[in-house]
Amino acid sequence: AAFDCDEPEMDRVVAVERKPNDPDLWQDNNVELFLNLSGNRKEYWHIA
């Protein structure tokens, strides 16, 4: 998966280097994938 994000003010965005699976990452400048592979619309992977 490839994200291409316009952002003319990269020096203003909030993001820090974090350890894997830091639960506060969602507060950063980020992109996310939600993948329900079975198609049952129940279980899914949340990757950010």
ModelCIF file with pLDDT and N, C-alpha, C, O atoms, coordinates in Angstrom:
data_MODEL
#
_entry.id   MODEL 
#
_entity.id                         1 
_entity.type                       polymer 
_entity.pdbx_number_of_molecules   1 
#
_entity_poly.entity_id                      1 
_entity_poly.type                           'polypeptide(L)' 
_entity_poly.nstd_linkage                   no 
_entity_poly.nstd_monomer                   no 
_entity_poly.pdbx_seq_one_letter_code       AAFDCDEPEMDRVVAVERKPNDPDLWQDNNVELFLNLSGNRKEYWHIA 
_entity_poly.pdbx_seq_one_letter_code_can   AAFDCDEPEMDRVVAVERKPNDPDLWQDNNVELFLNLSGNRKEYWHIA 
_entity_poly.pdbx_strand_id                 A 
#
loop_
_entity_poly_seq.entity_id 
_entity_poly_seq.num 
_entity_poly_seq.mon_id 
_entity_poly_seq.hetero 
1 1  ALA n 
1 2  ALA n 
1 3  PHE n 
1 4  ASP n 
1 5  CYS n 
1 6  ASP n 
1 7  GLU n 
1 8  PRO n 
1 9  GLU n 
1 10 MET n 
1 11 ASP n 
1 12 ARG n 
1 13 VAL n 
1 14 VAL n 
1 15 ALA n 
1 16 VAL n 
1 17 GLU n 
1 18 ARG n 
1 19 LYS n 
1 20 PRO n 
1 21 ASN n 
1 22 ASP n 
1 23 PRO n 
1 24 ASP n 
1 25 LEU n 
1 26 TRP n 
1 27 GLN n 
1 28 ASP n 
1 29 ASN n 
1 30 ASN n 
1 31 VAL n 
1 32 GLU n 
1 33 LEU n 
1 34 PHE n 
1 35 LEU n 
1 36 ASN n 
1 37 LEU n 
1 38 SER n 
1 39 GLY n 
1 40 ASN n 
1 41 ARG n 
1 42 LYS n 
1 43 GLU n 
1 44 TYR n 
1 45 TRP n 
1 46 HIS n 
1 47 ILE n 
1 48 ALA n 
#
_struct_asym.id          A 
_struct_asym.entity_id   1 
#
loop_
_ma_qa_metric.id 
_ma_qa_metric.mode 
_ma_qa_metric.name 
_ma_qa_metric.software_group_id 
_ma_qa_metric.type 
1 global pLDDT . pLDDT 
2 local  pLDDT . pLDDT 
#
_ma_qa_metric_global.metric_id      1 
_ma_qa_metric_global.metric_value   93.52 
_ma_qa_metric_global.model_id       1 
_ma_qa_metric_global.ordinal_id     1 
#
loop_
_ma_qa_metric_local.label_asym_id 
_ma_qa_metric_local.label_comp_id 
_ma_qa_metric_local.label_seq_id 
_ma_qa_metric_local.metric_id 
_ma_qa_metric_local.metric_value 
_ma_qa_metric_local.model_id 
_ma_qa_metric_local.ordinal_id 
A ALA 1  2 93.00 1 1  
A ALA 2  2 95.00 1 2  
A PHE 3  2 97.00 1 3  
A ASP 4  2 97.00 1 4  
A CYS 5  2 97.00 1 5  
A ASP 6  2 96.00 1 6  
A GLU 7  2 96.00 1 7  
A PRO 8  2 94.00 1 8  
A GLU 9  2 94.00 1 9  
A MET 10 2 95.00 1 10 
A ASP 11 2 93.00 1 11 
A ARG 12 2 94.00 1 12 
A VAL 13 2 95.00 1 13 
A VAL 14 2 95.00 1 14 
A ALA 15 2 95.00 1 15 
A VAL 16 2 94.00 1 16 
A GLU 17 2 95.00 1 17 
A ARG 18 2 95.00 1 18 
A LYS 19 2 95.00 1 19 
A PRO 20 2 93.00 1 20 
A ASN 21 2 95.00 1 21 
A ASP 22 2 95.00 1 22 
A PRO 23 2 93.00 1 23 
A ASP 24 2 94.00 1 24 
A LEU 25 2 95.00 1 25 
A TRP 26 2 92.00 1 26 
A GLN 27 2 93.00 1 27 
A ASP 28 2 96.00 1 28 
A ASN 29 2 97.00 1 29 
A ASN 30 2 97.00 1 30 
A VAL 31 2 98.00 1 31 
A GLU 32 2 97.00 1 32 
A LEU 33 2 96.00 1 33 
A PHE 34 2 96.00 1 34 
A LEU 35 2 92.00 1 35 
A ASN 36 2 90.00 1 36 
A LEU 37 2 83.00 1 37 
A SER 38 2 82.00 1 38 
A GLY 39 2 83.00 1 39 
A ASN 40 2 86.00 1 40 
A ARG 41 2 88.00 1 41 
A LYS 42 2 89.00 1 42 
A GLU 43 2 91.00 1 43 
A TYR 44 2 93.00 1 44 
A TRP 45 2 93.00 1 45 
A HIS 46 2 96.00 1 46 
A ILE 47 2 95.00 1 47 
A ALA 48 2 96.00 1 48 
#
loop_
_atom_site.group_PDB 
_atom_site.id 
_atom_site.type_symbol 
_atom_site.label_atom_id 
_atom_site.label_alt_id 
_atom_site.label_comp_id 
_atom_site.label_asym_id 
_atom_site.label_entity_id 
_atom_site.label_seq_id 
_atom_site.pdbx_PDB_ins_code 
_atom_site.Cartn_x 
_atom_site.Cartn_y 
_atom_site.Cartn_z 
_atom_site.occupancy 
_atom_site.B_iso_or_equiv 
_atom_site.pdbx_formal_charge 
_atom_site.auth_seq_id 
_atom_site.auth_comp_id 
_atom_site.auth_asym_id 
_atom_site.auth_atom_id 
_atom_site.pdbx_PDB_model_num 
ATOM 1   N N  . ALA A 1 1  ? 0.855   -1.184  0.000  1.00 93.00 ? 1  ALA A N  1 
ATOM 2   C CA . ALA A 1 1  ? 0.000   0.000   0.000  1.00 93.00 ? 1  ALA A CA 1 
ATOM 3   C C  . ALA A 1 1  ? 0.890   1.233   0.000  1.00 93.00 ? 1  ALA A C  1 
ATOM 4   O O  . ALA A 1 1  ? 1.867   1.304   0.745  1.00 93.00 ? 1  ALA A O  1 
ATOM 5   N N  . ALA A 1 2  ? 0.549   2.193   -0.832 1.00 95.00 ? 2  ALA A N  1 
ATOM 6   C CA . ALA A 1 2  ? 1.329   3.429   -0.928 1.00 95.00 ? 2  ALA A CA 1 
ATOM 7   C C  . ALA A 1 2  ? 0.413   4.628   -0.739 1.00 95.00 ? 2  ALA A C  1 
ATOM 8   O O  . ALA A 1 2  ? -0.550  4.808   -1.484 1.00 95.00 ? 2  ALA A O  1 
ATOM 9   N N  . PHE A 1 3  ? 0.716   5.448   0.263  1.00 97.00 ? 3  PHE A N  1 
ATOM 10  C CA . PHE A 1 3  ? -0.010  6.697   0.510  1.00 97.00 ? 3  PHE A CA 1 
ATOM 11  C C  . PHE A 1 3  ? 0.821   7.857   -0.025 1.00 97.00 ? 3  PHE A C  1 
ATOM 12  O O  . PHE A 1 3  ? 2.040   7.886   0.138  1.00 97.00 ? 3  PHE A O  1 
ATOM 13  N N  . ASP A 1 4  ? 0.155   8.804   -0.659 1.00 97.00 ? 4  ASP A N  1 
ATOM 14  C CA . ASP A 1 4  ? 0.802   10.037  -1.110 1.00 97.00 ? 4  ASP A CA 1 
ATOM 15  C C  . ASP A 1 4  ? 0.004   11.193  -0.525 1.00 97.00 ? 4  ASP A C  1 
ATOM 16  O O  . ASP A 1 4  ? -1.158  11.396  -0.878 1.00 97.00 ? 4  ASP A O  1 
ATOM 17  N N  . CYS A 1 5  ? 0.633   11.953  0.376  1.00 97.00 ? 5  CYS A N  1 
ATOM 18  C CA . CYS A 1 5  ? -0.080  12.949  1.179  1.00 97.00 ? 5  CYS A CA 1 
ATOM 19  C C  . CYS A 1 5  ? 0.464   14.348  0.900  1.00 97.00 ? 5  CYS A C  1 
ATOM 20  O O  . CYS A 1 5  ? 1.635   14.626  1.161  1.00 97.00 ? 5  CYS A O  1 
ATOM 21  N N  . ASP A 1 6  ? -0.377  15.219  0.375  1.00 96.00 ? 6  ASP A N  1 
ATOM 22  C CA . ASP A 1 6  ? 0.011   16.621  0.248  1.00 96.00 ? 6  ASP A CA 1 
ATOM 23  C C  . ASP A 1 6  ? 0.098   17.240  1.642  1.00 96.00 ? 6  ASP A C  1 
ATOM 24  O O  . ASP A 1 6  ? -0.778  17.028  2.480  1.00 96.00 ? 6  ASP A O  1 
ATOM 25  N N  . GLU A 1 7  ? 1.148   17.998  1.879  1.00 96.00 ? 7  GLU A N  1 
ATOM 26  C CA . GLU A 1 7  ? 1.295   18.714  3.144  1.00 96.00 ? 7  GLU A CA 1 
ATOM 27  C C  . GLU A 1 7  ? 2.312   19.840  2.949  1.00 96.00 ? 7  GLU A C  1 
ATOM 28  O O  . GLU A 1 7  ? 3.517   19.599  3.025  1.00 96.00 ? 7  GLU A O  1 
ATOM 29  N N  . PRO A 1 8  ? 1.845   21.065  2.698  1.00 94.00 ? 8  PRO A N  1 
ATOM 30  C CA . PRO A 1 8  ? 2.767   22.172  2.450  1.00 94.00 ? 8  PRO A CA 1 
ATOM 31  C C  . PRO A 1 8  ? 3.472   22.681  3.704  1.00 94.00 ? 8  PRO A C  1 
ATOM 32  O O  . PRO A 1 8  ? 4.389   23.497  3.613  1.00 94.00 ? 8  PRO A O  1 
ATOM 33  N N  . GLU A 1 9  ? 3.040   22.196  4.892  1.00 94.00 ? 9  GLU A N  1 
ATOM 34  C CA . GLU A 1 9  ? 3.627   22.679  6.143  1.00 94.00 ? 9  GLU A CA 1 
ATOM 35  C C  . GLU A 1 9  ? 4.170   21.507  6.961  1.00 94.00 ? 9  GLU A C  1 
ATOM 36  O O  . GLU A 1 9  ? 3.776   21.312  8.111  1.00 94.00 ? 9  GLU A O  1 
ATOM 37  N N  . MET A 1 10 ? 5.062   20.740  6.373  1.00 95.00 ? 10 MET A N  1 
ATOM 38  C CA . MET A 1 10 ? 5.600   19.569  7.064  1.00 95.00 ? 10 MET A CA 1 
ATOM 39  C C  . MET A 1 10 ? 6.303   19.932  8.366  1.00 95.00 ? 10 MET A C  1 
ATOM 40  O O  . MET A 1 10 ? 6.334   19.122  9.292  1.00 95.00 ? 10 MET A O  1 
ATOM 41  N N  . ASP A 1 11 ? 6.863   21.126  8.453  1.00 93.00 ? 11 ASP A N  1 
ATOM 42  C CA . ASP A 1 11 ? 7.555   21.518  9.677  1.00 93.00 ? 11 ASP A CA 1 
ATOM 43  C C  . ASP A 1 11 ? 6.593   21.811  10.821 1.00 93.00 ? 11 ASP A C  1 
ATOM 44  O O  . ASP A 1 11 ? 7.025   21.975  11.961 1.00 93.00 ? 11 ASP A O  1 
ATOM 45  N N  . ARG A 1 12 ? 5.297   21.878  10.534 1.00 94.00 ? 12 ARG A N  1 
ATOM 46  C CA . ARG A 1 12 ? 4.308   22.153  11.585 1.00 94.00 ? 12 ARG A CA 1 
ATOM 47  C C  . ARG A 1 12 ? 3.590   20.906  12.070 1.00 94.00 ? 12 ARG A C  1 
ATOM 48  O O  . ARG A 1 12 ? 2.915   20.950  13.099 1.00 94.00 ? 12 ARG A O  1 
ATOM 49  N N  . VAL A 1 13 ? 3.719   19.788  11.351 1.00 95.00 ? 13 VAL A N  1 
ATOM 50  C CA . VAL A 1 13 ? 2.951   18.610  11.751 1.00 95.00 ? 13 VAL A CA 1 
ATOM 51  C C  . VAL A 1 13 ? 3.532   18.019  13.038 1.00 95.00 ? 13 VAL A C  1 
ATOM 52  O O  . VAL A 1 13 ? 4.715   18.176  13.342 1.00 95.00 ? 13 VAL A O  1 
ATOM 53  N N  . VAL A 1 14 ? 2.664   17.341  13.776 1.00 95.00 ? 14 VAL A N  1 
ATOM 54  C CA . VAL A 1 14 ? 3.047   16.739  15.050 1.00 95.00 ? 14 VAL A CA 1 
ATOM 55  C C  . VAL A 1 14 ? 3.221   15.243  14.856 1.00 95.00 ? 14 VAL A C  1 
ATOM 56  O O  . VAL A 1 14 ? 2.260   14.532  14.563 1.00 95.00 ? 14 VAL A O  1 
ATOM 57  N N  . ALA A 1 15 ? 4.449   14.769  15.019 1.00 95.00 ? 15 ALA A N  1 
ATOM 58  C CA . ALA A 1 15 ? 4.749   13.336  14.939 1.00 95.00 ? 15 ALA A CA 1 
ATOM 59  C C  . ALA A 1 15 ? 6.096   13.112  15.615 1.00 95.00 ? 15 ALA A C  1 
ATOM 60  O O  . ALA A 1 15 ? 7.028   13.895  15.430 1.00 95.00 ? 15 ALA A O  1 
ATOM 61  N N  . VAL A 1 16 ? 6.192   12.051  16.391 1.00 94.00 ? 16 VAL A N  1 
ATOM 62  C CA . VAL A 1 16 ? 7.439   11.739  17.088 1.00 94.00 ? 16 VAL A CA 1 
ATOM 63  C C  . VAL A 1 16 ? 7.813   10.283  16.803 1.00 94.00 ? 16 VAL A C  1 
ATOM 64  O O  . VAL A 1 16 ? 6.958   9.463   16.466 1.00 94.00 ? 16 VAL A O  1 
ATOM 65  N N  . GLU A 1 17 ? 9.084   9.985   16.941 1.00 95.00 ? 17 GLU A N  1 
ATOM 66  C CA . GLU A 1 17 ? 9.526   8.595   16.802 1.00 95.00 ? 17 GLU A CA 1 
ATOM 67  C C  . GLU A 1 17 ? 9.074   7.816   18.033 1.00 95.00 ? 17 GLU A C  1 
ATOM 68  O O  . GLU A 1 17 ? 9.340   8.216   19.166 1.00 95.00 ? 17 GLU A O  1 
ATOM 69  N N  . ARG A 1 18 ? 8.389   6.698   17.796 1.00 95.00 ? 18 ARG A N  1 
ATOM 70  C CA . ARG A 1 18 ? 7.806   5.927   18.890 1.00 95.00 ? 18 ARG A CA 1 
ATOM 71  C C  . ARG A 1 18 ? 8.250   4.474   18.821 1.00 95.00 ? 18 ARG A C  1 
ATOM 72  O O  . ARG A 1 18 ? 8.681   3.983   17.777 1.00 95.00 ? 18 ARG A O  1 
ATOM 73  N N  . LYS A 1 19 ? 8.133   3.806   19.950 1.00 95.00 ? 19 LYS A N  1 
ATOM 74  C CA . LYS A 1 19 ? 8.364   2.373   19.978 1.00 95.00 ? 19 LYS A CA 1 
ATOM 75  C C  . LYS A 1 19 ? 7.221   1.676   19.249 1.00 95.00 ? 19 LYS A C  1 
ATOM 76  O O  . LYS A 1 19 ? 6.127   2.232   19.154 1.00 95.00 ? 19 LYS A O  1 
ATOM 77  N N  . PRO A 1 20 ? 7.456   0.454   18.727 1.00 93.00 ? 20 PRO A N  1 
ATOM 78  C CA . PRO A 1 20 ? 6.363   -0.275  18.073 1.00 93.00 ? 20 PRO A CA 1 
ATOM 79  C C  . PRO A 1 20 ? 5.157   -0.423  18.992 1.00 93.00 ? 20 PRO A C  1 
ATOM 80  O O  . PRO A 1 20 ? 5.297   -0.669  20.190 1.00 93.00 ? 20 PRO A O  1 
ATOM 81  N N  . ASN A 1 21 ? 3.987   -0.271  18.416 1.00 95.00 ? 21 ASN A N  1 
ATOM 82  C CA . ASN A 1 21 ? 2.710   -0.448  19.115 1.00 95.00 ? 21 ASN A CA 1 
ATOM 83  C C  . ASN A 1 21 ? 2.486   0.561   20.239 1.00 95.00 ? 21 ASN A C  1 
ATOM 84  O O  . ASN A 1 21 ? 1.831   0.256   21.236 1.00 95.00 ? 21 ASN A O  1 
ATOM 85  N N  . ASP A 1 22 ? 3.030   1.755   20.071 1.00 95.00 ? 22 ASP A N  1 
ATOM 86  C CA . ASP A 1 22 ? 2.710   2.830   21.018 1.00 95.00 ? 22 ASP A CA 1 
ATOM 87  C C  . ASP A 1 22 ? 1.252   3.225   20.803 1.00 95.00 ? 22 ASP A C  1 
ATOM 88  O O  . ASP A 1 22 ? 0.899   3.653   19.704 1.00 95.00 ? 22 ASP A O  1 
ATOM 89  N N  . PRO A 1 23 ? 0.391   3.095   21.818 1.00 93.00 ? 23 PRO A N  1 
ATOM 90  C CA . PRO A 1 23 ? -1.034  3.362   21.614 1.00 93.00 ? 23 PRO A CA 1 
ATOM 91  C C  . PRO A 1 23 ? -1.366  4.824   21.335 1.00 93.00 ? 23 PRO A C  1 
ATOM 92  O O  . PRO A 1 23 ? -2.476  5.140   20.908 1.00 93.00 ? 23 PRO A O  1 
ATOM 93  N N  . ASP A 1 24 ? -0.394  5.728   21.580 1.00 94.00 ? 24 ASP A N  1 
ATOM 94  C CA . ASP A 1 24 ? -0.645  7.146   21.338 1.00 94.00 ? 24 ASP A CA 1 
ATOM 95  C C  . ASP A 1 24 ? -0.320  7.578   19.911 1.00 94.00 ? 24 ASP A C  1 
ATOM 96  O O  . ASP A 1 24 ? -0.436  8.757   19.577 1.00 94.00 ? 24 ASP A O  1 
ATOM 97  N N  . LEU A 1 25 ? 0.085   6.632   19.074 1.00 95.00 ? 25 LEU A N  1 
ATOM 98  C CA . LEU A 1 25 ? 0.472   6.989   17.711 1.00 95.00 ? 25 LEU A CA 1 
ATOM 99  C C  . LEU A 1 25 ? -0.678  7.622   16.937 1.00 95.00 ? 25 LEU A C  1 
ATOM 100 O O  . LEU A 1 25 ? -0.453  8.441   16.046 1.00 95.00 ? 25 LEU A O  1 
ATOM 101 N N  . TRP A 1 26 ? -1.914  7.243   17.276 1.00 92.00 ? 26 TRP A N  1 
ATOM 102 C CA . TRP A 1 26 ? -3.069  7.780   16.550 1.00 92.00 ? 26 TRP A CA 1 
ATOM 103 C C  . TRP A 1 26 ? -3.166  9.303   16.671 1.00 92.00 ? 26 TRP A C  1 
ATOM 104 O O  . TRP A 1 26 ? -3.831  9.947   15.859 1.00 92.00 ? 26 TRP A O  1 
ATOM 105 N N  . GLN A 1 27 ? -2.499  9.886   17.690 1.00 93.00 ? 27 GLN A N  1 
ATOM 106 C CA . GLN A 1 27 ? -2.536  11.336  17.865 1.00 93.00 ? 27 GLN A CA 1 
ATOM 107 C C  . GLN A 1 27 ? -1.560  12.051  16.937 1.00 93.00 ? 27 GLN A C  1 
ATOM 108 O O  . GLN A 1 27 ? -1.604  13.274  16.806 1.00 93.00 ? 27 GLN A O  1 
ATOM 109 N N  . ASP A 1 28 ? -0.676  11.283  16.293 1.00 96.00 ? 28 ASP A N  1 
ATOM 110 C CA . ASP A 1 28 ? 0.332   11.869  15.408 1.00 96.00 ? 28 ASP A CA 1 
ATOM 111 C C  . ASP A 1 28 ? -0.226  12.107  14.009 1.00 96.00 ? 28 ASP A C  1 
ATOM 112 O O  . ASP A 1 28 ? -1.339  11.703  13.676 1.00 96.00 ? 28 ASP A O  1 
ATOM 113 N N  . ASN A 1 29 ? 0.590   12.774  13.213 1.00 97.00 ? 29 ASN A N  1 
ATOM 114 C CA . ASN A 1 29 ? 0.362   12.884  11.775 1.00 97.00 ? 29 ASN A CA 1 
ATOM 115 C C  . ASN A 1 29 ? 0.541   11.478  11.191 1.00 97.00 ? 29 ASN A C  1 
ATOM 116 O O  . ASN A 1 29 ? 1.657   10.960  11.184 1.00 97.00 ? 29 ASN A O  1 
ATOM 117 N N  . ASN A 1 30 ? -0.540  10.849  10.699 1.00 97.00 ? 30 ASN A N  1 
ATOM 118 C CA . ASN A 1 30 ? -0.421  9.429   10.357 1.00 97.00 ? 30 ASN A CA 1 
ATOM 119 C C  . ASN A 1 30 ? -1.359  9.024   9.235  1.00 97.00 ? 30 ASN A C  1 
ATOM 120 O O  . ASN A 1 30 ? -2.251  9.773   8.836  1.00 97.00 ? 30 ASN A O  1 
ATOM 121 N N  . VAL A 1 31 ? -1.129  7.802   8.734  1.00 98.00 ? 31 VAL A N  1 
ATOM 122 C CA . VAL A 1 31 ? -2.039  7.147   7.794  1.00 98.00 ? 31 VAL A CA 1 
ATOM 123 C C  . VAL A 1 31 ? -2.361  5.762   8.351  1.00 98.00 ? 31 VAL A C  1 
ATOM 124 O O  . VAL A 1 31 ? -1.571  5.191   9.103  1.00 98.00 ? 31 VAL A O  1 
ATOM 125 N N  . GLU A 1 32 ? -3.533  5.222   7.977  1.00 97.00 ? 32 GLU A N  1 
ATOM 126 C CA . GLU A 1 32 ? -3.993  3.957   8.545  1.00 97.00 ? 32 GLU A CA 1 
ATOM 127 C C  . GLU A 1 32 ? -4.651  3.087   7.484  1.00 97.00 ? 32 GLU A C  1 
ATOM 128 O O  . GLU A 1 32 ? -5.272  3.585   6.545  1.00 97.00 ? 32 GLU A O  1 
ATOM 129 N N  . LEU A 1 33 ? -4.499  1.767   7.656  1.00 96.00 ? 33 LEU A N  1 
ATOM 130 C CA . LEU A 1 33 ? -5.207  0.782   6.847  1.00 96.00 ? 33 LEU A CA 1 
ATOM 131 C C  . LEU A 1 33 ? -6.096  -0.046  7.764  1.00 96.00 ? 33 LEU A C  1 
ATOM 132 O O  . LEU A 1 33 ? -5.696  -0.417  8.868  1.00 96.00 ? 33 LEU A O  1 
ATOM 133 N N  . PHE A 1 34 ? -7.301  -0.327  7.296  1.00 96.00 ? 34 PHE A N  1 
ATOM 134 C CA . PHE A 1 34 ? -8.234  -1.208  7.991  1.00 96.00 ? 34 PHE A CA 1 
ATOM 135 C C  . PHE A 1 34 ? -8.585  -2.328  7.013  1.00 96.00 ? 34 PHE A C  1 
ATOM 136 O O  . PHE A 1 34 ? -9.227  -2.080  5.992  1.00 96.00 ? 34 PHE A O  1 
ATOM 137 N N  . LEU A 1 35 ? -8.170  -3.556  7.318  1.00 92.00 ? 35 LEU A N  1 
ATOM 138 C CA . LEU A 1 35 ? -8.288  -4.663  6.367  1.00 92.00 ? 35 LEU A CA 1 
ATOM 139 C C  . LEU A 1 35 ? -9.116  -5.794  6.953  1.00 92.00 ? 35 LEU A C  1 
ATOM 140 O O  . LEU A 1 35 ? -8.702  -6.446  7.911  1.00 92.00 ? 35 LEU A O  1 
ATOM 141 N N  . ASN A 1 36 ? -10.279 -6.021  6.378  1.00 90.00 ? 36 ASN A N  1 
ATOM 142 C CA . ASN A 1 36 ? -11.142 -7.147  6.759  1.00 90.00 ? 36 ASN A CA 1 
ATOM 143 C C  . ASN A 1 36 ? -11.036 -8.192  5.647  1.00 90.00 ? 36 ASN A C  1 
ATOM 144 O O  . ASN A 1 36 ? -11.759 -8.132  4.653  1.00 90.00 ? 36 ASN A O  1 
ATOM 145 N N  . LEU A 1 37 ? -10.124 -9.152  5.830  1.00 83.00 ? 37 LEU A N  1 
ATOM 146 C CA . LEU A 1 37 ? -9.795  -10.075 4.748  1.00 83.00 ? 37 LEU A CA 1 
ATOM 147 C C  . LEU A 1 37 ? -10.871 -11.114 4.499  1.00 83.00 ? 37 LEU A C  1 
ATOM 148 O O  . LEU A 1 37 ? -11.020 -11.582 3.370  1.00 83.00 ? 37 LEU A O  1 
ATOM 149 N N  . SER A 1 38 ? -11.626 -11.489 5.524  1.00 82.00 ? 38 SER A N  1 
ATOM 150 C CA . SER A 1 38 ? -12.636 -12.533 5.352  1.00 82.00 ? 38 SER A CA 1 
ATOM 151 C C  . SER A 1 38 ? -13.890 -12.012 4.666  1.00 82.00 ? 38 SER A C  1 
ATOM 152 O O  . SER A 1 38 ? -14.669 -12.795 4.122  1.00 82.00 ? 38 SER A O  1 
ATOM 153 N N  . GLY A 1 39 ? -14.092 -10.690 4.686  1.00 83.00 ? 39 GLY A N  1 
ATOM 154 C CA . GLY A 1 39 ? -15.305 -10.132 4.111  1.00 83.00 ? 39 GLY A CA 1 
ATOM 155 C C  . GLY A 1 39 ? -16.516 -10.218 5.019  1.00 83.00 ? 39 GLY A C  1 
ATOM 156 O O  . GLY A 1 39 ? -17.626 -9.885  4.601  1.00 83.00 ? 39 GLY A O  1 
ATOM 157 N N  . ASN A 1 40 ? -16.320 -10.665 6.271  1.00 86.00 ? 40 ASN A N  1 
ATOM 158 C CA . ASN A 1 40 ? -17.476 -10.778 7.177  1.00 86.00 ? 40 ASN A CA 1 
ATOM 159 C C  . ASN A 1 40 ? -17.808 -9.463  7.874  1.00 86.00 ? 40 ASN A C  1 
ATOM 160 O O  . ASN A 1 40 ? -18.805 -9.370  8.589  1.00 86.00 ? 40 ASN A O  1 
ATOM 161 N N  . ARG A 1 41 ? -16.969 -8.446  7.666  1.00 88.00 ? 41 ARG A N  1 
ATOM 162 C CA . ARG A 1 41 ? -17.166 -7.115  8.254  1.00 88.00 ? 41 ARG A CA 1 
ATOM 163 C C  . ARG A 1 41 ? -17.230 -7.176  9.782  1.00 88.00 ? 41 ARG A C  1 
ATOM 164 O O  . ARG A 1 41 ? -17.971 -6.426  10.418 1.00 88.00 ? 41 ARG A O  1 
ATOM 165 N N  . LYS A 1 42 ? -16.451 -8.070  10.343 1.00 89.00 ? 42 LYS A N  1 
ATOM 166 C CA . LYS A 1 42 ? -16.359 -8.229  11.804 1.00 89.00 ? 42 LYS A CA 1 
ATOM 167 C C  . LYS A 1 42 ? -14.915 -8.073  12.273 1.00 89.00 ? 42 LYS A C  1 
ATOM 168 O O  . LYS A 1 42 ? -14.564 -7.089  12.925 1.00 89.00 ? 42 LYS A O  1 
ATOM 169 N N  . GLU A 1 43 ? -14.069 -9.078  11.926 1.00 91.00 ? 43 GLU A N  1 
ATOM 170 C CA . GLU A 1 43 ? -12.661 -9.047  12.346 1.00 91.00 ? 43 GLU A CA 1 
ATOM 171 C C  . GLU A 1 43 ? -11.847 -8.281  11.304 1.00 91.00 ? 43 GLU A C  1 
ATOM 172 O O  . GLU A 1 43 ? -12.049 -8.440  10.100 1.00 91.00 ? 43 GLU A O  1 
ATOM 173 N N  . TYR A 1 44 ? -10.927 -7.451  11.785 1.00 93.00 ? 44 TYR A N  1 
ATOM 174 C CA . TYR A 1 44 ? -10.124 -6.689  10.829 1.00 93.00 ? 44 TYR A CA 1 
ATOM 175 C C  . TYR A 1 44 ? -8.788  -6.312  11.464 1.00 93.00 ? 44 TYR A C  1 
ATOM 176 O O  . TYR A 1 44 ? -8.647  -6.261  12.686 1.00 93.00 ? 44 TYR A O  1 
ATOM 177 N N  . TRP A 1 45 ? -7.819  -6.053  10.599 1.00 93.00 ? 45 TRP A N  1 
ATOM 178 C CA . TRP A 1 45 ? -6.504  -5.588  11.016 1.00 93.00 ? 45 TRP A CA 1 
ATOM 179 C C  . TRP A 1 45 ? -6.471  -4.071  10.924 1.00 93.00 ? 45 TRP A C  1 
ATOM 180 O O  . TRP A 1 45 ? -6.928  -3.487  9.942  1.00 93.00 ? 45 TRP A O  1 
ATOM 181 N N  . HIS A 1 46 ? -5.928  -3.444  11.952 1.00 96.00 ? 46 HIS A N  1 
ATOM 182 C CA . HIS A 1 46 ? -5.781  -1.991  12.009 1.00 96.00 ? 46 HIS A CA 1 
ATOM 183 C C  . HIS A 1 46 ? -4.283  -1.698  12.020 1.00 96.00 ? 46 HIS A C  1 
ATOM 184 O O  . HIS A 1 46 ? -3.591  -1.988  12.997 1.00 96.00 ? 46 HIS A O  1 
ATOM 185 N N  . ILE A 1 47 ? -3.796  -1.126  10.936 1.00 95.00 ? 47 ILE A N  1 
ATOM 186 C CA . ILE A 1 47 ? -2.354  -0.906  10.743 1.00 95.00 ? 47 ILE A CA 1 
ATOM 187 C C  . ILE A 1 47 ? -2.128  0.583   10.514 1.00 95.00 ? 47 ILE A C  1 
ATOM 188 O O  . ILE A 1 47 ? -2.803  1.196   9.687  1.00 95.00 ? 47 ILE A O  1 
ATOM 189 N N  . ALA A 1 48 ? -1.187  1.163   11.240 1.00 96.00 ? 48 ALA A N  1 
ATOM 190 C CA . ALA A 1 48 ? -0.958  2.606   11.141 1.00 96.00 ? 48 ALA A CA 1 
ATOM 191 C C  . ALA A 1 48 ? 0.525   2.913   11.162 1.00 96.00 ? 48 ALA A C  1 
ATOM 192 O O  . ALA A 1 48 ? 0.916   4.078   11.089 1.00 96.00 ? 48 ALA A O  1 
#
